[in-house]
Amino acid sequence: MSVLYRIALVLVIIGAINWGLIGFFRFDLVAYLFGGQTAVLSRWIYALVGLAGLITIPILVKRFEDEDDVDTFTRMDRNPSYGMEAGEEADFTEVTKTEVKKVEKKEND
């Protein structure tokens, strides 16, 4: 996620907190801090939050699976090596049951 989107998301969160305060407590934090709703600085803050909302619209429709800069790899994706220091492990997948029985009989004799 680029820096522009992160800044826009911070501004949207600030706007959401301000709207929550207005809705629950009838308290406009931006107007309180910057001199009222009609003050120039308050209007700039409102405008920036509005632009930030427009900038973050593509995040709403973006597929998160296509995210390139997020490390979503698991250990299996990194091709781990299961080799031992002592050497190669024997492959017992081709040994049949009859061969195992022959080896067991020889060991018992």
Protein backbone atom coordinates (compact mmCIF):
# COMPACT_ATOMS: atom_id res chain seq x y z
CA MET A 1 0.00 0.00 0.00
CA SER A 2 1.48 3.32 -0.98
CA VAL A 3 2.12 6.23 1.34
CA LEU A 4 -0.71 8.24 -0.26
CA TYR A 5 -3.24 5.55 0.60
CA ARG A 6 -1.94 5.30 4.17
CA ILE A 7 -2.26 9.06 4.70
CA ALA A 8 -5.72 9.00 3.14
CA LEU A 9 -6.78 6.15 5.43
CA VAL A 10 -5.56 8.08 8.49
CA LEU A 11 -7.61 11.09 7.41
CA VAL A 12 -10.66 8.91 6.80
CA ILE A 13 -10.29 7.41 10.27
CA ILE A 14 -10.03 10.90 11.78
CA GLY A 15 -13.19 11.86 9.89
CA ALA A 16 -14.97 8.73 11.08
CA ILE A 17 -14.04 9.46 14.69
CA ASN A 18 -15.27 13.03 14.30
CA TRP A 19 -18.59 11.84 12.80
CA GLY A 20 -18.94 9.33 15.64
CA LEU A 21 -18.48 12.12 18.17
CA ILE A 22 -21.05 14.24 16.36
CA GLY A 23 -23.53 11.36 16.20
CA PHE A 24 -23.19 10.16 19.78
CA PHE A 25 -22.38 13.32 21.71
CA ARG A 26 -23.21 16.25 19.36
CA PHE A 27 -19.59 17.31 19.69
CA ASP A 28 -17.62 18.36 16.60
CA LEU A 29 -13.96 17.87 17.54
CA VAL A 30 -12.59 19.52 14.39
CA ALA A 31 -14.74 22.61 14.92
CA TYR A 32 -13.76 22.70 18.60
CA LEU A 33 -10.02 22.47 17.87
CA PHE A 34 -9.89 24.82 14.89
CA GLY A 35 -12.36 27.60 15.68
CA GLY A 36 -15.82 26.49 14.60
CA GLN A 37 -17.31 24.91 11.53
CA THR A 38 -17.04 28.05 9.43
CA ALA A 39 -13.38 28.74 10.28
CA VAL A 40 -11.02 28.47 7.33
CA LEU A 41 -8.81 25.86 8.99
CA SER A 42 -11.82 23.69 9.90
CA ARG A 43 -13.08 23.87 6.35
CA TRP A 44 -9.66 22.80 5.07
CA ILE A 45 -9.69 19.80 7.42
CA TYR A 46 -13.21 18.86 6.25
CA ALA A 47 -12.09 19.18 2.62
CA LEU A 48 -8.99 17.03 3.20
CA VAL A 49 -11.05 14.32 4.89
CA GLY A 50 -13.50 14.40 1.98
CA LEU A 51 -10.68 14.06 -0.57
CA ALA A 52 -9.18 11.25 1.47
CA GLY A 53 -12.52 9.45 1.27
CA LEU A 54 -12.46 9.75 -2.51
CA ILE A 55 -8.85 8.57 -2.71
CA THR A 56 -9.59 5.44 -0.67
CA ILE A 57 -12.46 4.26 -2.90
CA PRO A 58 -10.10 2.04 -4.96
CA ILE A 59 -9.09 0.24 -1.75
CA LEU A 60 -12.72 -0.85 -1.40
CA VAL A 61 -12.71 -2.66 -4.74
CA LYS A 62 -9.08 -3.83 -4.72
CA ARG A 63 -8.50 -7.56 -4.41
CA PHE A 64 -6.33 -8.23 -1.41
CA GLU A 65 -4.97 -11.45 -2.96
CA ASP A 66 -3.14 -9.33 -5.54
CA GLU A 67 -1.25 -7.43 -2.84
CA ASP A 68 2.44 -7.60 -3.77
CA ASP A 69 4.05 -5.93 -0.79
CA VAL A 70 2.35 -8.05 1.88
CA ASP A 71 4.35 -11.03 3.05
CA THR A 72 1.76 -13.79 2.93
CA PHE A 73 4.17 -16.60 2.23
CA THR A 74 4.17 -19.69 4.38
CA ARG A 75 7.14 -21.85 5.15
CA MET A 76 6.14 -24.29 2.41
CA ASP A 77 6.20 -21.51 -0.18
CA ARG A 78 9.86 -20.86 0.53
CA ASN A 79 10.95 -24.38 -0.50
CA PRO A 80 12.50 -25.58 2.74
CA SER A 81 15.26 -28.15 2.67
CA TYR A 82 14.56 -31.21 4.77
CA GLY A 83 17.94 -32.77 4.10
CA MET A 84 20.01 -34.04 6.97
CA GLU A 85 23.60 -33.18 7.74
CA ALA A 86 24.48 -36.87 7.94
CA GLY A 87 23.58 -37.47 4.32
CA GLU A 88 20.68 -38.41 2.11
CA GLU A 89 17.74 -40.24 3.60
CA ALA A 90 16.79 -43.61 2.18
CA ASP A 91 13.73 -43.76 -0.02
CA PHE A 92 11.55 -46.61 1.27
CA THR A 93 8.61 -45.98 -1.03
CA GLU A 94 9.75 -48.66 -3.50
CA VAL A 95 10.28 -51.42 -0.92
CA THR A 96 7.57 -54.04 -1.15
CA LYS A 97 6.11 -55.97 1.77
CA THR A 98 7.68 -59.24 0.61
CA GLU A 99 11.15 -57.75 0.75
CA VAL A 100 10.48 -56.51 4.26
CA LYS A 101 9.31 -59.99 5.32
CA LYS A 102 12.46 -61.56 3.81
CA VAL A 103 14.65 -59.16 5.75
CA GLU A 104 12.74 -59.88 8.96
CA LYS A 105 13.10 -63.69 8.45
CA LYS A 106 16.85 -63.34 7.89
CA GLU A 107 17.18 -61.32 11.07
CA ASN A 108 15.19 -63.90 13.07
CA ASP A 109 17.32 -66.86 11.82
